[in-house]
Each structure stands twice: as C-alpha cells, then as structure tokens.
Amino acid sequence: MLASPSRDTSNPTPTRTPTPMKFHLTVRWGHPRTRYHQQTLDAPDLREALTQAAASLPDEVVSTADLAEIRPAQSPEGREYLEG
C-alpha cells in the first residue's frame, strides 16, 4: 500500500491580497448626439474592473453605446507632458 503524501502546514504560503488599481473607463454613447460616460474604478485587476464597469453602466448608456475603453488611470504626477 502506498502512503499518501503528507502536507507540511507549519509554514503555509501566505495569501497575497492584490493591491487595488485605479482604472479609467470611457464609453461613447448616444444617438444622434454623441456623449461620453466616464468613471474611475478601483479593482485588483482588469477582469474585475471590466466586471464592475459592466454592472455599473446606466441603462441609457448601455442601449446606445458603440465604443468603450478601459485603462489604468494615471495620477497627474505620473503623466508626461511635452515642454515647448
């Protein structure tokens, strides 16, 4: 009979909690007059940010939206500006 492998639980691997990131969402919507819905989301990763975005969009935006963009939000201090 084979012995089952034993697990050493004296030093368990710590569970890492992802650091929340800020994401910026922009959705183009409306017809005939185009409008933009924008919001900032806090999420541990892009998948969760997309899930939050889908759940939080107003019905009027969802019904006429034709373009959505989501990206990590930069703080004003982190932006590069051209000098000139």
C-alpha atoms as a PDB file:
ATOM      1  CA  MET A   1       0.000   0.000   0.000  1.00  0.00           C
ATOM      2  CA  LEU A   2       1.328   3.437  -0.920  1.00  0.00           C
ATOM      3  CA  ALA A   3       1.498   6.100   1.726  1.00  0.00           C
ATOM      4  CA  SER A   4      -0.283   9.315   0.906  1.00  0.00           C
ATOM      5  CA  PRO A   5       1.951  12.374   0.750  1.00  0.00           C
ATOM      6  CA  SER A   6       1.783  14.499   3.850  1.00  0.00           C
ATOM      7  CA  ARG A   7       1.401  18.237   3.742  1.00  0.00           C
ATOM      8  CA  ASP A   8       3.642  20.374   5.890  1.00  0.00           C
ATOM      9  CA  THR A   9       1.343  23.054   7.309  1.00  0.00           C
ATOM     10  CA  SER A  10       3.908  24.504   9.707  1.00  0.00           C
ATOM     11  CA  ASN A  11       4.877  27.200   7.208  1.00  0.00           C
ATOM     12  CA  PRO A  12       1.871  27.888   4.956  1.00  0.00           C
ATOM     13  CA  THR A  13       2.277  30.114   1.928  1.00  0.00           C
ATOM     14  CA  PRO A  14       0.737  33.489   2.720  1.00  0.00           C
ATOM     15  CA  THR A  15      -2.243  34.517   0.640  1.00  0.00           C
ATOM     16  CA  ARG A  16      -1.489  37.692  -1.282  1.00  0.00           C
ATOM     17  CA  THR A  17      -4.155  40.323  -1.441  1.00  0.00           C
ATOM     18  CA  PRO A  18      -3.861  42.185  -4.738  1.00  0.00           C
ATOM     19  CA  THR A  19      -3.231  45.893  -4.410  1.00  0.00           C
ATOM     20  CA  PRO A  20      -6.210  47.759  -5.877  1.00  0.00           C
ATOM     21  CA  MET A  21      -5.514  49.713  -9.021  1.00  0.00           C
ATOM     22  CA  LYS A  22      -7.432  52.633 -10.427  1.00  0.00           C
ATOM     23  CA  PHE A  23      -8.892  52.184 -13.902  1.00  0.00           C
ATOM     24  CA  HIS A  24     -10.437  54.868 -16.085  1.00  0.00           C
ATOM     25  CA  LEU A  25     -13.492  53.923 -18.163  1.00  0.00           C
ATOM     26  CA  THR A  26     -14.743  55.953 -21.114  1.00  0.00           C
ATOM     27  CA  VAL A  27     -17.863  54.887 -23.053  1.00  0.00           C
ATOM     28  CA  ARG A  28     -19.136  56.693 -26.160  1.00  0.00           C
ATOM     29  CA  TRP A  29     -22.916  56.610 -26.321  1.00  0.00           C
ATOM     30  CA  GLY A  30     -25.988  58.442 -27.587  1.00  0.00           C
ATOM     31  CA  HIS A  31     -27.589  58.964 -30.943  1.00  0.00           C
ATOM     32  CA  PRO A  32     -27.911  61.337 -32.747  1.00  0.00           C
ATOM     33  CA  ARG A  33     -25.912  63.433 -30.237  1.00  0.00           C
ATOM     34  CA  THR A  34     -22.750  61.636 -29.096  1.00  0.00           C
ATOM     35  CA  ARG A  35     -21.927  61.777 -25.399  1.00  0.00           C
ATOM     36  CA  TYR A  36     -19.250  60.274 -23.193  1.00  0.00           C
ATOM     37  CA  HIS A  37     -19.719  58.448 -19.914  1.00  0.00           C
ATOM     38  CA  GLN A  38     -16.570  58.434 -17.769  1.00  0.00           C
ATOM     39  CA  GLN A  39     -15.816  56.894 -14.424  1.00  0.00           C
ATOM     40  CA  THR A  40     -12.922  55.700 -12.282  1.00  0.00           C
ATOM     41  CA  LEU A  41     -12.951  52.178 -10.880  1.00  0.00           C
ATOM     42  CA  ASP A  42     -10.900  50.606  -8.089  1.00  0.00           C
ATOM     43  CA  ALA A  43     -10.162  46.953  -8.815  1.00  0.00           C
ATOM     44  CA  PRO A  44      -7.371  44.426  -8.228  1.00  0.00           C
ATOM     45  CA  ASP A  45      -7.073  43.659 -11.952  1.00  0.00           C
ATOM     46  CA  LEU A  46      -8.549  44.325 -15.385  1.00  0.00           C
ATOM     47  CA  ARG A  47     -11.016  41.433 -15.203  1.00  0.00           C
ATOM     48  CA  GLU A  48     -12.597  42.809 -12.044  1.00  0.00           C
ATOM     49  CA  ALA A  49     -12.584  46.353 -13.452  1.00  0.00           C
ATOM     50  CA  LEU A  50     -14.487  45.134 -16.526  1.00  0.00           C
ATOM     51  CA  THR A  51     -16.986  43.296 -14.320  1.00  0.00           C
ATOM     52  CA  GLN A  52     -17.549  46.407 -12.207  1.00  0.00           C
ATOM     53  CA  ALA A  53     -17.866  48.579 -15.303  1.00  0.00           C
ATOM     54  CA  ALA A  54     -20.492  46.334 -16.888  1.00  0.00           C
ATOM     55  CA  ALA A  55     -22.539  46.240 -13.693  1.00  0.00           C
ATOM     56  CA  SER A  56     -22.418  49.992 -13.104  1.00  0.00           C
ATOM     57  CA  LEU A  57     -23.326  51.407 -16.524  1.00  0.00           C
ATOM     58  CA  PRO A  58     -26.676  53.223 -16.704  1.00  0.00           C
ATOM     59  CA  ASP A  59     -29.288  51.614 -18.991  1.00  0.00           C
ATOM     60  CA  GLU A  60     -29.356  54.617 -21.336  1.00  0.00           C
ATOM     61  CA  VAL A  61     -25.603  54.272 -21.882  1.00  0.00           C
ATOM     62  CA  VAL A  62     -25.780  50.515 -22.466  1.00  0.00           C
ATOM     63  CA  SER A  63     -28.588  50.785 -25.002  1.00  0.00           C
ATOM     64  CA  THR A  64     -26.734  53.143 -27.362  1.00  0.00           C
ATOM     65  CA  ALA A  65     -23.016  52.645 -26.595  1.00  0.00           C
ATOM     66  CA  ASP A  66     -20.771  51.883 -29.542  1.00  0.00           C
ATOM     67  CA  LEU A  67     -17.272  52.178 -28.060  1.00  0.00           C
ATOM     68  CA  ALA A  68     -15.709  51.517 -24.647  1.00  0.00           C
ATOM     69  CA  GLU A  69     -12.151  51.994 -23.425  1.00  0.00           C
ATOM     70  CA  ILE A  70     -10.710  50.981 -20.069  1.00  0.00           C
ATOM     71  CA  ARG A  71      -7.145  51.583 -18.998  1.00  0.00           C
ATOM     72  CA  PRO A  72      -5.086  52.054 -15.861  1.00  0.00           C
ATOM     73  CA  ALA A  73      -5.640  55.579 -14.560  1.00  0.00           C
ATOM     74  CA  GLN A  74      -2.554  57.696 -14.088  1.00  0.00           C
ATOM     75  CA  SER A  75      -2.148  60.208 -11.338  1.00  0.00           C
ATOM     76  CA  PRO A  76      -1.441  63.752 -12.557  1.00  0.00           C
ATOM     77  CA  GLU A  77       2.087  63.449 -11.152  1.00  0.00           C
ATOM     78  CA  GLY A  78       2.723  60.349 -13.288  1.00  0.00           C
ATOM     79  CA  ARG A  79       1.806  61.947 -16.605  1.00  0.00           C
ATOM     80  CA  GLU A  80       4.394  63.083 -19.074  1.00  0.00           C
ATOM     81  CA  TYR A  81       3.899  66.469 -20.645  1.00  0.00           C
ATOM     82  CA  LEU A  82       5.660  67.890 -23.627  1.00  0.00           C
ATOM     83  CA  GLU A  83       7.576  71.042 -22.964  1.00  0.00           C
ATOM     84  CA  GLY A  84       7.603  73.724 -25.528  1.00  0.00           C
END
